[in-house]
Amino acid sequence: MKAQYKKKWKDEQSVTSHQIDSESKSHQLQLKSFRNKYSDQVRLTYMALQGEANVAAENTTKVVQIVARYLFNKEISGANLPAPSALNFMNEAHILAKQATESLLSSQHFTFATDGTSRQEQHYLEKHVHLDNGKFMFLGYSEIAADGDQTLLETSVAAFKNLSTIY
């Protein structure tokens, strides 16, 4: 049974990663991570293309494929990259994050709060702020390993770091 699991895991890894040789160094490009989620590198690349370079959502996959082809001499199938609907969602999320940051910066004071919940042995942390103008902003959910003071602090700090890098 363990051998079948290892083979399945190895097959999944080969589908989601590509070997890239650049300047005689070998790197592993991980397109998807555990549970078939896109890796942080893929998400950050797409966010940067849309948010910093103003590449339209429908063109970002083509840009990634062109860069891989001409800079790294590798072909990446569009099936292994985010779909246009996911890209539109990322674009909207990026704009909402900028709006949230602008609202926080324009407030003289605000209250940051969290609330945790568990479902099917998974722990989630919801984050939100109350602004000085009486408005409430939801900042999303994070999957966390376990509830605890240290986890809450780290997740809260990470939320503000993410907002600051997006802005």
C-alpha atoms as a PDB file:
ATOM      1  CA  MET A   1       0.000   0.000   0.000  1.00  0.00           C
ATOM      2  CA  LYS A   2       2.808   2.416   0.883  1.00  0.00           C
ATOM      3  CA  ALA A   3       4.540   1.731  -2.437  1.00  0.00           C
ATOM      4  CA  GLN A   4       1.355   2.616  -4.346  1.00  0.00           C
ATOM      5  CA  TYR A   5       1.024   5.870  -2.389  1.00  0.00           C
ATOM      6  CA  LYS A   6       4.669   6.769  -3.064  1.00  0.00           C
ATOM      7  CA  LYS A   7       4.233   6.029  -6.780  1.00  0.00           C
ATOM      8  CA  LYS A   8       1.043   8.107  -6.921  1.00  0.00           C
ATOM      9  CA  TRP A   9       2.778  10.982  -5.102  1.00  0.00           C
ATOM     10  CA  LYS A  10       5.776  10.736  -7.441  1.00  0.00           C
ATOM     11  CA  ASP A  11       3.485  10.768 -10.504  1.00  0.00           C
ATOM     12  CA  GLU A  12       1.646  13.831  -9.148  1.00  0.00           C
ATOM     13  CA  GLN A  13       4.949  15.591  -8.576  1.00  0.00           C
ATOM     14  CA  SER A  14       6.081  14.911 -12.143  1.00  0.00           C
ATOM     15  CA  VAL A  15       2.873  16.421 -13.521  1.00  0.00           C
ATOM     16  CA  THR A  16       3.152  19.604 -11.494  1.00  0.00           C
ATOM     17  CA  SER A  17       6.868  20.366 -11.709  1.00  0.00           C
ATOM     18  CA  HIS A  18       9.234  21.183 -14.513  1.00  0.00           C
ATOM     19  CA  GLN A  19      13.029  21.007 -14.518  1.00  0.00           C
ATOM     20  CA  ILE A  20      14.690  24.251 -15.595  1.00  0.00           C
ATOM     21  CA  ASP A  21      18.391  24.612 -16.427  1.00  0.00           C
ATOM     22  CA  SER A  22      19.634  28.188 -16.234  1.00  0.00           C
ATOM     23  CA  GLU A  23      23.276  29.283 -16.035  1.00  0.00           C
ATOM     24  CA  SER A  24      24.279  25.646 -15.372  1.00  0.00           C
ATOM     25  CA  LYS A  25      22.202  25.606 -12.167  1.00  0.00           C
ATOM     26  CA  SER A  26      19.267  23.282 -11.848  1.00  0.00           C
ATOM     27  CA  HIS A  27      16.076  24.645 -10.253  1.00  0.00           C
ATOM     28  CA  GLN A  28      12.803  22.933  -9.580  1.00  0.00           C
ATOM     29  CA  LEU A  29       9.801  24.978 -10.706  1.00  0.00           C
ATOM     30  CA  GLN A  30       6.881  23.865  -8.570  1.00  0.00           C
ATOM     31  CA  LEU A  31       3.598  24.838 -10.232  1.00  0.00           C
ATOM     32  CA  LYS A  32       1.285  23.194  -7.723  1.00  0.00           C
ATOM     33  CA  SER A  33       1.743  22.244  -4.113  1.00  0.00           C
ATOM     34  CA  PHE A  34      -0.066  20.005  -1.648  1.00  0.00           C
ATOM     35  CA  ARG A  35      -3.789  19.481  -2.327  1.00  0.00           C
ATOM     36  CA  ASN A  36      -3.379  20.674  -5.911  1.00  0.00           C
ATOM     37  CA  LYS A  37      -3.076  24.350  -4.913  1.00  0.00           C
ATOM     38  CA  TYR A  38      -0.886  26.613  -7.015  1.00  0.00           C
ATOM     39  CA  SER A  39       2.466  27.324  -5.406  1.00  0.00           C
ATOM     40  CA  ASP A  40       3.239  30.705  -3.886  1.00  0.00           C
ATOM     41  CA  GLN A  41       5.630  31.395  -6.779  1.00  0.00           C
ATOM     42  CA  VAL A  42       2.860  30.873  -9.346  1.00  0.00           C
ATOM     43  CA  ARG A  43       0.372  33.013  -7.416  1.00  0.00           C
ATOM     44  CA  LEU A  44       2.911  35.802  -6.861  1.00  0.00           C
ATOM     45  CA  THR A  45       3.930  35.711 -10.533  1.00  0.00           C
ATOM     46  CA  TYR A  46       0.340  36.108 -11.674  1.00  0.00           C
ATOM     47  CA  MET A  47      -0.365  38.832  -9.105  1.00  0.00           C
ATOM     48  CA  ALA A  48       2.753  40.740 -10.191  1.00  0.00           C
ATOM     49  CA  LEU A  49       1.876  40.417 -13.875  1.00  0.00           C
ATOM     50  CA  GLN A  50      -1.625  41.729 -13.235  1.00  0.00           C
ATOM     51  CA  GLY A  51      -0.924  44.209 -10.442  1.00  0.00           C
ATOM     52  CA  GLU A  52       2.519  45.590 -11.293  1.00  0.00           C
ATOM     53  CA  ALA A  53       2.811  45.071 -15.054  1.00  0.00           C
ATOM     54  CA  ASN A  54      -0.903  45.621 -15.825  1.00  0.00           C
ATOM     55  CA  VAL A  55      -1.125  42.460 -17.931  1.00  0.00           C
ATOM     56  CA  ALA A  56      -4.762  41.606 -18.653  1.00  0.00           C
ATOM     57  CA  ALA A  57      -6.081  38.426 -17.018  1.00  0.00           C
ATOM     58  CA  GLU A  58      -6.677  36.767 -20.380  1.00  0.00           C
ATOM     59  CA  ASN A  59      -3.008  37.325 -21.389  1.00  0.00           C
ATOM     60  CA  THR A  60      -1.142  36.305 -18.234  1.00  0.00           C
ATOM     61  CA  THR A  61      -0.960  32.584 -19.009  1.00  0.00           C
ATOM     62  CA  LYS A  62       0.409  33.351 -22.490  1.00  0.00           C
ATOM     63  CA  VAL A  63       3.041  35.678 -20.939  1.00  0.00           C
ATOM     64  CA  VAL A  64       4.153  32.958 -18.498  1.00  0.00           C
ATOM     65  CA  GLN A  65       4.373  30.435 -21.352  1.00  0.00           C
ATOM     66  CA  ILE A  66       6.424  32.844 -23.508  1.00  0.00           C
ATOM     67  CA  VAL A  67       8.850  33.616 -20.661  1.00  0.00           C
ATOM     68  CA  ALA A  68       9.287  29.895 -19.920  1.00  0.00           C
ATOM     69  CA  ARG A  69       9.818  29.105 -23.608  1.00  0.00           C
ATOM     70  CA  TYR A  70      12.344  31.831 -24.447  1.00  0.00           C
ATOM     71  CA  LEU A  71      14.185  32.315 -21.159  1.00  0.00           C
ATOM     72  CA  PHE A  72      14.214  28.726 -19.902  1.00  0.00           C
ATOM     73  CA  ASN A  73      13.613  26.712 -23.094  1.00  0.00           C
ATOM     74  CA  LYS A  74      10.663  24.919 -21.465  1.00  0.00           C
ATOM     75  CA  GLU A  75       7.069  24.439 -22.555  1.00  0.00           C
ATOM     76  CA  ILE A  76       4.381  24.730 -19.887  1.00  0.00           C
ATOM     77  CA  SER A  77       0.912  23.538 -20.764  1.00  0.00           C
ATOM     78  CA  GLY A  78      -1.923  25.965 -20.119  1.00  0.00           C
ATOM     79  CA  ALA A  79      -3.701  23.089 -18.365  1.00  0.00           C
ATOM     80  CA  ASN A  80      -1.067  23.307 -15.586  1.00  0.00           C
ATOM     81  CA  LEU A  81      -1.587  27.056 -15.098  1.00  0.00           C
ATOM     82  CA  PRO A  82      -4.479  29.029 -13.564  1.00  0.00           C
ATOM     83  CA  ALA A  83      -7.681  29.323 -15.598  1.00  0.00           C
ATOM     84  CA  PRO A  84      -8.911  32.759 -16.764  1.00  0.00           C
ATOM     85  CA  SER A  85     -11.772  32.689 -14.245  1.00  0.00           C
ATOM     86  CA  ALA A  86      -9.270  32.239 -11.397  1.00  0.00           C
ATOM     87  CA  LEU A  87      -7.182  35.070 -12.815  1.00  0.00           C
ATOM     88  CA  ASN A  88     -10.166  37.412 -12.873  1.00  0.00           C
ATOM     89  CA  PHE A  89     -10.784  36.498  -9.245  1.00  0.00           C
ATOM     90  CA  MET A  90      -7.126  37.224  -8.392  1.00  0.00           C
ATOM     91  CA  ASN A  91      -7.357  40.579 -10.158  1.00  0.00           C
ATOM     92  CA  GLU A  92     -10.477  41.520  -8.192  1.00  0.00           C
ATOM     93  CA  ALA A  93      -8.851  40.353  -4.952  1.00  0.00           C
ATOM     94  CA  HIS A  94      -5.779  42.481  -5.707  1.00  0.00           C
ATOM     95  CA  ILE A  95      -7.959  45.571  -6.207  1.00  0.00           C
ATOM     96  CA  LEU A  96      -9.898  44.830  -3.012  1.00  0.00           C
ATOM     97  CA  ALA A  97      -6.637  44.444  -1.079  1.00  0.00           C
ATOM     98  CA  LYS A  98      -5.478  47.844  -2.360  1.00  0.00           C
ATOM     99  CA  GLN A  99      -8.794  49.389  -1.315  1.00  0.00           C
ATOM    100  CA  ALA A 100      -8.514  47.790   2.130  1.00  0.00           C
ATOM    101  CA  THR A 101      -4.990  49.151   2.546  1.00  0.00           C
ATOM    102  CA  GLU A 102      -6.052  52.640   1.456  1.00  0.00           C
ATOM    103  CA  SER A 103      -8.928  52.549   3.961  1.00  0.00           C
ATOM    104  CA  LEU A 104      -6.572  51.491   6.751  1.00  0.00           C
ATOM    105  CA  LEU A 105      -4.059  54.206   5.861  1.00  0.00           C
ATOM    106  CA  SER A 106      -6.733  56.911   5.789  1.00  0.00           C
ATOM    107  CA  SER A 107      -8.172  55.883   9.181  1.00  0.00           C
ATOM    108  CA  GLN A 108      -6.808  57.548  12.288  1.00  0.00           C
ATOM    109  CA  HIS A 109      -7.485  54.341  14.185  1.00  0.00           C
ATOM    110  CA  PHE A 110      -9.016  50.935  13.530  1.00  0.00           C
ATOM    111  CA  THR A 111      -9.690  47.704  15.368  1.00  0.00           C
ATOM    112  CA  PHE A 112      -8.272  44.471  13.965  1.00  0.00           C
ATOM    113  CA  ALA A 113     -10.045  41.302  15.109  1.00  0.00           C
ATOM    114  CA  THR A 114      -9.945  37.589  14.389  1.00  0.00           C
ATOM    115  CA  ASP A 115     -12.313  34.691  14.912  1.00  0.00           C
ATOM    116  CA  GLY A 116     -11.425  31.024  14.622  1.00  0.00           C
ATOM    117  CA  THR A 117     -13.497  28.039  13.618  1.00  0.00           C
ATOM    118  CA  SER A 118     -12.933  24.362  12.848  1.00  0.00           C
ATOM    119  CA  ARG A 119     -14.573  22.091  10.298  1.00  0.00           C
ATOM    120  CA  GLN A 120     -13.693  18.474   9.621  1.00  0.00           C
ATOM    121  CA  GLU A 121     -10.518  18.767  11.713  1.00  0.00           C
ATOM    122  CA  GLN A 122      -9.336  21.817   9.714  1.00  0.00           C
ATOM    123  CA  HIS A 123      -8.787  25.084  11.590  1.00  0.00           C
ATOM    124  CA  TYR A 124      -9.604  28.429   9.965  1.00  0.00           C
ATOM    125  CA  LEU A 125      -9.022  31.981  11.125  1.00  0.00           C
ATOM    126  CA  GLU A 126     -11.240  34.827   9.902  1.00  0.00           C
ATOM    127  CA  LYS A 127      -9.739  38.346   9.907  1.00  0.00           C
ATOM    128  CA  HIS A 128     -11.578  41.681   9.827  1.00  0.00           C
ATOM    129  CA  VAL A 129     -11.197  45.348  10.780  1.00  0.00           C
ATOM    130  CA  HIS A 130     -13.558  47.980  12.131  1.00  0.00           C
ATOM    131  CA  LEU A 131     -12.639  51.434  10.809  1.00  0.00           C
ATOM    132  CA  ASP A 132     -13.059  54.750  12.623  1.00  0.00           C
ATOM    133  CA  ASN A 133     -15.867  55.716  10.199  1.00  0.00           C
ATOM    134  CA  GLY A 134     -17.958  52.776  11.455  1.00  0.00           C
ATOM    135  CA  LYS A 135     -17.358  50.567   8.406  1.00  0.00           C
ATOM    136  CA  PHE A 136     -16.426  46.894   8.685  1.00  0.00           C
ATOM    137  CA  MET A 137     -14.002  45.176   6.282  1.00  0.00           C
ATOM    138  CA  PHE A 138     -13.609  41.417   5.953  1.00  0.00           C
ATOM    139  CA  LEU A 139      -9.985  40.441   5.229  1.00  0.00           C
ATOM    140  CA  GLY A 140     -10.500  36.760   4.492  1.00  0.00           C
ATOM    141  CA  TYR A 141      -9.895  33.335   5.972  1.00  0.00           C
ATOM    142  CA  SER A 142      -6.599  31.572   6.604  1.00  0.00           C
ATOM    143  CA  GLU A 143      -6.129  27.869   7.166  1.00  0.00           C
ATOM    144  CA  ILE A 144      -4.092  27.401  10.328  1.00  0.00           C
ATOM    145  CA  ALA A 145      -2.485  24.367  11.958  1.00  0.00           C
ATOM    146  CA  ALA A 146      -3.989  24.965  15.404  1.00  0.00           C
ATOM    147  CA  ASP A 147      -5.479  27.686  17.556  1.00  0.00           C
ATOM    148  CA  GLY A 148      -3.063  29.360  19.928  1.00  0.00           C
ATOM    149  CA  ASP A 149      -1.678  32.762  20.839  1.00  0.00           C
ATOM    150  CA  GLN A 150       1.474  32.353  18.746  1.00  0.00           C
ATOM    151  CA  THR A 151      -0.492  31.203  15.683  1.00  0.00           C
ATOM    152  CA  LEU A 152      -2.924  34.120  16.025  1.00  0.00           C
ATOM    153  CA  LEU A 153      -0.071  36.610  16.324  1.00  0.00           C
ATOM    154  CA  GLU A 154       1.854  35.172  13.352  1.00  0.00           C
ATOM    155  CA  THR A 155      -1.271  35.070  11.170  1.00  0.00           C
ATOM    156  CA  SER A 156      -2.191  38.651  12.098  1.00  0.00           C
ATOM    157  CA  VAL A 157       1.310  39.946  11.352  1.00  0.00           C
ATOM    158  CA  ALA A 158       1.308  38.042   8.041  1.00  0.00           C
ATOM    159  CA  ALA A 159      -2.032  39.637   7.071  1.00  0.00           C
ATOM    160  CA  PHE A 160      -0.612  43.143   7.525  1.00  0.00           C
ATOM    161  CA  LYS A 161       2.625  42.219   5.736  1.00  0.00           C
ATOM    162  CA  ASN A 162       0.586  40.905   2.797  1.00  0.00           C
ATOM    163  CA  LEU A 163      -1.435  44.119   2.636  1.00  0.00           C
ATOM    164  CA  SER A 164       1.736  46.220   2.754  1.00  0.00           C
ATOM    165  CA  THR A 165       3.417  44.299  -0.085  1.00  0.00           C
ATOM    166  CA  ILE A 166       0.281  44.428  -2.240  1.00  0.00           C
ATOM    167  CA  TYR A 167      -0.042  48.182  -1.814  1.00  0.00           C
END
